[in-house]
Amino acid sequence: MCGGLEAEMVEKDRDLCDARFDGISEELLRLEDELELFEYTINGVHFWERVRFKIHRDILETLGLVGQAHTTMQGSFPAKTSLVRRALTSLFRHNPFAASPRQLLFFGHGRRKRGTDGRWWDLYCDPVIDALDHSYVLFEKSYRGRHLRPTKTKEIRYLDLVTFLTAANLRSVPSKLRFARRSGHLIRDLENSLADCFGTRIAVKPRVEESLLAREIRLPLYETILKRVDPELVFLVCSYGKEDFIEACQNLDITTVELQHGVLGRYHMGYAFPGKKQKNLFPDHFFAFGEYWAEAVHLPVPSAR
């Protein structure tokens, strides 16, 4: 009986947590409309669509509803040492700046799965690569500070150099991004509105600064790589967090396709854009697991895509 009561209490706690999650997410969606956050720019850049997912997660973490998405050592001495080592290695092996022209470019996910053949598969990209008879190259960021090997993917380039150059430049900037007076007021008002809604202070300014400064560094690097590969089509996994790469593709008039990689829902801030919300830096097409998923959220692409 005690076991049954404990299970019932756990279930009630889970339901309460889910209700709080939904309520917080719904309130953020409402606040976006009230403040017209998708309409504002800083230094000519629509900043909210770049930081929205992280701000939502910051709110949930601060309120104790979720933990960190993935285990990370980011910022630690071992992590910094590992990044430098990987960047130096990629100068000679898997260098993305030395890639040659290919018909298709894949931006995969470093979180791979070992198959029965003993090789590490990109579960989203490798089946598509196998099904197509086109030349290709796959770009990959590290996952938890490493690249899993041996890979099923034969043509692969690692983006550790881009990660290193971004991190090094962010730390070398003598002063943080200077907001115009109007932009500073906007960020302060947003932080105050979030505090009023959720009863906690969320540091929006550092998120925006980091995002816009990183864009200044990554955008020309991605454009350089894309010009070398000159792909006819780009496939990518997990588009949120890859806004700089998508912007580079848009600048070079390269069509992008996202491959679904997980569960979608009304409150997944990487994909939920109900009403008049619109994300400019979203792939041109979204390949869903099936019709149900294409209708599960309001994706910022036409239904025909």
Protein backbone atom coordinates (compact mmCIF):
# COMPACT_ATOMS: atom_id res chain seq x y z
CA MET A 1 0.00 0.00 0.00
CA CYS A 2 2.89 2.33 0.82
CA GLY A 3 4.36 1.68 -2.60
CA GLY A 4 1.07 2.52 -4.27
CA LEU A 5 0.71 5.73 -2.28
CA GLU A 6 4.27 6.75 -3.13
CA ALA A 7 3.63 6.13 -6.82
CA GLU A 8 0.44 8.18 -6.63
CA MET A 9 2.29 11.07 -4.99
CA VAL A 10 5.01 10.92 -7.63
CA GLU A 11 2.35 10.99 -10.34
CA LYS A 12 0.68 14.02 -8.74
CA ASP A 13 4.02 15.81 -8.50
CA ARG A 14 4.66 15.07 -12.16
CA ASP A 15 1.23 16.38 -13.15
CA LEU A 16 1.83 19.53 -11.10
CA CYS A 17 5.22 20.02 -12.72
CA ASP A 18 3.72 19.56 -16.18
CA ALA A 19 0.99 22.08 -15.38
CA ARG A 20 3.56 24.64 -14.20
CA PHE A 21 5.67 24.02 -17.31
CA ASP A 22 2.67 24.58 -19.56
CA GLY A 23 1.59 27.69 -17.64
CA ILE A 24 5.04 29.27 -17.77
CA SER A 25 5.40 28.51 -21.46
CA GLU A 26 1.95 29.89 -22.23
CA GLU A 27 2.78 33.07 -20.30
CA LEU A 28 5.99 33.52 -22.31
CA LEU A 29 4.06 33.11 -25.57
CA ARG A 30 1.62 35.77 -24.37
CA LEU A 31 4.44 38.10 -23.35
CA GLU A 32 6.04 37.76 -26.79
CA ASP A 33 2.86 39.07 -28.39
CA GLU A 34 2.32 41.82 -25.84
CA LEU A 35 5.86 43.19 -26.23
CA GLU A 36 6.09 42.38 -29.98
CA LEU A 37 9.50 40.84 -29.36
CA PHE A 38 9.85 39.37 -32.84
CA GLU A 39 9.57 42.83 -34.36
CA TYR A 40 12.52 44.47 -32.59
CA THR A 41 16.11 44.53 -33.78
CA ILE A 42 19.42 45.37 -32.15
CA ASN A 43 22.17 46.53 -34.49
CA GLY A 44 19.88 45.49 -37.35
CA VAL A 45 19.49 41.91 -36.05
CA HIS A 46 16.23 40.31 -34.88
CA PHE A 47 17.65 39.24 -31.55
CA TRP A 48 14.68 37.53 -29.89
CA GLU A 49 14.47 34.57 -32.26
CA ARG A 50 18.14 33.85 -31.49
CA VAL A 51 17.82 33.82 -27.70
CA ARG A 52 14.21 32.71 -27.24
CA PHE A 53 14.94 29.00 -26.66
CA LYS A 54 17.68 29.72 -24.11
CA ILE A 55 15.66 32.34 -22.25
CA HIS A 56 12.75 29.90 -21.95
CA ARG A 57 15.15 27.29 -20.60
CA ASP A 58 16.72 29.83 -18.21
CA ILE A 59 13.26 30.54 -16.77
CA LEU A 60 12.49 26.84 -16.32
CA GLU A 61 15.89 26.13 -14.75
CA THR A 62 15.67 29.09 -12.38
CA LEU A 63 12.25 27.90 -11.21
CA GLY A 64 13.56 24.36 -10.75
CA LEU A 65 11.39 22.70 -13.38
CA VAL A 66 14.21 21.37 -15.57
CA GLY A 67 17.90 20.63 -15.23
CA GLN A 68 20.62 21.14 -17.80
CA ALA A 69 19.74 19.61 -21.17
CA HIS A 70 23.07 17.77 -21.48
CA THR A 71 25.99 17.19 -19.17
CA THR A 72 28.61 19.81 -19.89
CA MET A 73 32.07 20.94 -18.75
CA GLN A 74 31.89 24.19 -20.68
CA GLY A 75 34.22 26.81 -19.23
CA SER A 76 36.25 24.37 -17.14
CA PHE A 77 40.00 24.01 -17.62
CA PRO A 78 39.71 20.44 -19.04
CA ALA A 79 37.06 21.66 -21.49
CA LYS A 80 39.23 24.57 -22.67
CA THR A 81 42.25 22.29 -23.05
CA SER A 82 40.18 19.76 -24.97
CA LEU A 83 38.86 22.47 -27.32
CA VAL A 84 42.36 23.74 -28.10
CA ARG A 85 43.57 20.19 -28.76
CA ARG A 86 40.63 19.42 -31.06
CA ALA A 87 41.07 22.72 -32.92
CA LEU A 88 44.76 22.00 -33.54
CA THR A 89 43.96 18.46 -34.66
CA SER A 90 41.32 19.70 -37.10
CA LEU A 91 43.90 21.90 -38.81
CA PHE A 92 45.30 18.69 -40.30
CA ARG A 93 42.37 16.26 -40.14
CA HIS A 94 38.72 16.92 -41.00
CA ASN A 95 39.36 20.65 -41.57
CA PRO A 96 36.11 22.27 -42.79
CA PHE A 97 38.05 25.11 -44.47
CA ALA A 98 39.78 22.54 -46.68
CA ALA A 99 36.55 20.88 -47.86
CA SER A 100 36.00 20.46 -51.59
CA PRO A 101 32.79 21.05 -53.59
CA ARG A 102 29.93 18.64 -52.90
CA GLN A 103 26.32 18.42 -54.05
CA LEU A 104 24.95 18.03 -50.52
CA LEU A 105 26.05 19.39 -47.17
CA PHE A 106 24.81 17.93 -43.89
CA PHE A 107 25.11 19.70 -40.53
CA GLY A 108 24.66 16.75 -38.23
CA HIS A 109 24.44 16.02 -34.53
CA GLY A 110 27.49 15.01 -32.51
CA ARG A 111 25.29 12.75 -30.37
CA ARG A 112 25.74 9.48 -32.25
CA LYS A 113 24.53 5.92 -31.63
CA ARG A 114 26.73 2.84 -31.97
CA GLY A 115 25.29 0.37 -34.44
CA THR A 116 25.60 -3.39 -34.58
CA ASP A 117 28.45 -2.86 -37.03
CA GLY A 118 30.48 -1.19 -34.26
CA ARG A 119 30.44 2.20 -35.97
CA TRP A 120 28.89 5.39 -34.58
CA TRP A 121 25.88 6.50 -36.61
CA ASP A 122 24.32 9.91 -37.02
CA LEU A 123 20.80 8.50 -36.75
CA TYR A 124 19.27 11.40 -38.66
CA CYS A 125 21.74 12.04 -41.49
CA ASP A 126 23.36 8.68 -42.26
CA PRO A 127 20.13 6.98 -43.44
CA VAL A 128 19.45 9.92 -45.78
CA ILE A 129 23.02 9.83 -47.09
CA ASP A 130 22.68 6.09 -47.77
CA ALA A 131 19.40 6.63 -49.63
CA LEU A 132 20.82 9.28 -51.98
CA ASP A 133 23.36 8.89 -54.75
CA HIS A 134 25.00 12.30 -54.43
CA SER A 135 28.36 13.61 -53.32
CA TYR A 136 28.21 14.96 -49.79
CA VAL A 137 30.08 16.18 -46.75
CA LEU A 138 28.86 16.22 -43.16
CA PHE A 139 29.82 18.93 -40.66
CA GLU A 140 29.80 18.06 -37.00
CA LYS A 141 30.31 19.86 -33.70
CA SER A 142 31.71 17.91 -30.77
CA TYR A 143 29.33 16.32 -28.28
CA ARG A 144 30.35 16.55 -24.63
CA GLY A 145 33.83 17.54 -25.71
CA ARG A 146 34.53 14.67 -28.11
CA HIS A 147 33.81 13.13 -31.49
CA LEU A 148 32.72 9.52 -31.43
CA ARG A 149 34.75 7.23 -33.71
CA PRO A 150 34.76 5.22 -35.89
CA THR A 151 31.84 6.84 -37.67
CA LYS A 152 29.41 5.42 -40.15
CA THR A 153 29.74 8.75 -42.01
CA LYS A 154 32.69 8.61 -44.41
CA GLU A 155 32.91 12.23 -45.58
CA ILE A 156 33.05 14.25 -42.38
CA ARG A 157 34.48 17.59 -41.27
CA TYR A 158 34.62 18.82 -37.70
CA LEU A 159 33.71 22.37 -36.68
CA ASP A 160 36.11 22.60 -33.74
CA LEU A 161 38.03 25.37 -35.49
CA VAL A 162 34.89 27.48 -35.73
CA THR A 163 34.09 26.78 -32.07
CA PHE A 164 37.63 27.69 -31.02
CA LEU A 165 37.80 30.88 -33.09
CA THR A 166 34.42 31.97 -31.73
CA ALA A 167 35.39 31.31 -28.12
CA ALA A 168 38.79 32.98 -28.50
CA ASN A 169 37.34 36.09 -30.10
CA LEU A 170 34.53 36.39 -27.58
CA ARG A 171 37.10 36.43 -24.79
CA SER A 172 39.35 38.90 -26.58
CA VAL A 173 36.66 41.55 -27.08
CA PRO A 174 37.76 44.38 -24.73
CA SER A 175 34.24 45.62 -24.08
CA LYS A 176 30.83 44.07 -24.39
CA LEU A 177 28.49 44.94 -27.20
CA ARG A 178 27.33 48.53 -26.77
CA PHE A 179 23.59 48.85 -26.99
CA ALA A 180 21.99 51.96 -28.39
CA ARG A 181 19.98 53.83 -25.75
CA ARG A 182 16.68 52.52 -27.14
CA SER A 183 17.99 48.94 -27.22
CA GLY A 184 19.23 49.20 -23.64
CA HIS A 185 15.78 50.32 -22.53
CA LEU A 186 14.23 47.45 -24.46
CA ILE A 187 16.39 44.85 -22.75
CA ARG A 188 15.76 46.36 -19.32
CA ASP A 189 12.01 46.46 -19.93
CA LEU A 190 12.09 42.84 -21.05
CA GLU A 191 14.00 41.76 -17.94
CA ASN A 192 11.51 43.64 -15.75
CA SER A 193 8.54 42.08 -17.58
CA LEU A 194 9.99 38.59 -17.12
CA ALA A 195 10.56 39.29 -13.43
CA ASP A 196 6.95 40.47 -13.04
CA CYS A 197 5.60 37.40 -14.86
CA PHE A 198 7.73 34.69 -13.27
CA GLY A 199 8.91 36.21 -9.99
CA THR A 200 12.59 35.83 -10.82
CA ARG A 201 15.27 37.87 -12.57
CA ILE A 202 16.47 36.47 -15.89
CA ALA A 203 19.70 37.89 -17.31
CA VAL A 204 18.63 38.70 -20.85
CA LYS A 205 21.40 41.16 -21.70
CA PRO A 206 24.30 38.65 -21.47
CA ARG A 207 22.37 36.20 -23.66
CA VAL A 208 21.79 38.86 -26.31
CA GLU A 209 25.37 40.14 -26.15
CA GLU A 210 26.84 36.68 -26.53
CA SER A 211 24.50 35.80 -29.40
CA LEU A 212 25.17 38.96 -31.42
CA LEU A 213 28.92 38.94 -30.79
CA ALA A 214 29.15 35.26 -31.78
CA ARG A 215 27.20 36.05 -34.95
CA GLU A 216 29.80 38.63 -35.96
CA ILE A 217 32.48 35.95 -35.67
CA ARG A 218 30.71 32.86 -37.00
CA LEU A 219 28.81 34.32 -39.94
CA PRO A 220 31.87 35.07 -42.14
CA LEU A 221 33.44 31.73 -41.15
CA TYR A 222 30.34 29.80 -42.21
CA GLU A 223 30.11 31.77 -45.44
CA THR A 224 33.74 30.92 -46.24
CA ILE A 225 33.11 27.20 -45.69
CA LEU A 226 29.88 27.23 -47.70
CA LYS A 227 31.58 28.94 -50.63
CA ARG A 228 34.20 26.17 -50.67
CA VAL A 229 31.66 23.34 -50.59
CA ASP A 230 29.18 25.17 -52.86
CA PRO A 231 26.33 22.72 -52.10
CA GLU A 232 23.09 22.55 -54.04
CA LEU A 233 21.21 21.67 -50.86
CA VAL A 234 21.88 21.74 -47.11
CA PHE A 235 20.38 19.34 -44.57
CA LEU A 236 20.64 20.16 -40.88
CA VAL A 237 19.58 18.67 -37.58
CA CYS A 238 18.28 20.85 -34.72
CA SER A 239 17.97 24.27 -36.36
CA TYR A 240 17.66 26.28 -33.15
CA GLY A 241 21.17 27.25 -32.13
CA LYS A 242 22.26 27.19 -35.78
CA GLU A 243 20.83 30.60 -36.72
CA ASP A 244 24.22 31.93 -37.85
CA PHE A 245 24.68 28.98 -40.20
CA ILE A 246 21.16 29.39 -41.61
CA GLU A 247 21.78 33.10 -42.14
CA ALA A 248 24.97 32.27 -44.05
CA CYS A 249 22.97 29.89 -46.27
CA GLN A 250 20.36 32.58 -46.88
CA ASN A 251 23.05 35.10 -47.80
CA LEU A 252 24.42 32.66 -50.38
CA ASP A 253 20.95 31.62 -51.65
CA ILE A 254 21.38 27.97 -50.56
CA THR A 255 18.19 26.01 -49.83
CA THR A 256 18.05 24.45 -46.36
CA VAL A 257 16.13 21.43 -45.07
CA GLU A 258 15.76 20.45 -41.43
CA LEU A 259 15.51 16.77 -40.49
CA GLN A 260 13.29 16.22 -37.44
CA HIS A 261 15.35 14.90 -34.54
CA GLY A 262 12.93 14.64 -31.63
CA VAL A 263 9.55 15.34 -30.10
CA LEU A 264 7.74 18.52 -31.11
CA GLY A 265 5.08 20.21 -29.06
CA ARG A 266 3.22 23.45 -28.46
CA TYR A 267 5.77 24.59 -25.89
CA HIS A 268 8.99 23.58 -27.66
CA MET A 269 10.43 27.05 -28.21
CA GLY A 270 12.63 25.87 -31.05
CA TYR A 271 9.60 25.11 -33.20
CA ALA A 272 6.42 26.60 -31.73
CA PHE A 273 5.45 29.87 -33.42
CA PRO A 274 1.67 30.22 -33.04
CA GLY A 275 -0.31 33.18 -34.28
CA LYS A 276 1.64 35.95 -35.97
CA LYS A 277 5.00 34.84 -34.58
CA GLN A 278 7.56 34.38 -37.32
CA LYS A 279 11.17 33.27 -37.25
CA ASN A 280 13.30 34.64 -40.06
CA LEU A 281 16.18 32.23 -39.57
CA PHE A 282 14.37 28.92 -40.02
CA PRO A 283 15.11 26.28 -42.69
CA ASP A 284 13.24 26.55 -45.99
CA HIS A 285 11.79 23.05 -45.57
CA PHE A 286 11.08 20.77 -42.60
CA PHE A 287 11.16 16.99 -43.12
CA ALA A 288 9.02 15.52 -40.35
CA PHE A 289 8.79 11.91 -39.16
CA GLY A 290 5.20 11.90 -40.40
CA GLU A 291 2.09 13.96 -41.01
CA TYR A 292 1.17 14.03 -37.31
CA TRP A 293 4.37 15.87 -36.41
CA ALA A 294 3.97 18.38 -39.21
CA GLU A 295 0.67 19.39 -37.64
CA ALA A 296 1.73 19.18 -33.99
CA VAL A 297 3.16 22.71 -33.85
CA HIS A 298 2.97 25.97 -35.77
CA LEU A 299 6.18 25.78 -37.74
CA PRO A 300 7.37 29.01 -39.40
CA VAL A 301 7.24 27.49 -42.90
CA PRO A 302 4.37 27.09 -45.37
CA SER A 303 2.45 23.84 -44.92
CA ALA A 304 3.50 22.70 -48.40
CA ARG A 305 7.08 22.66 -47.15
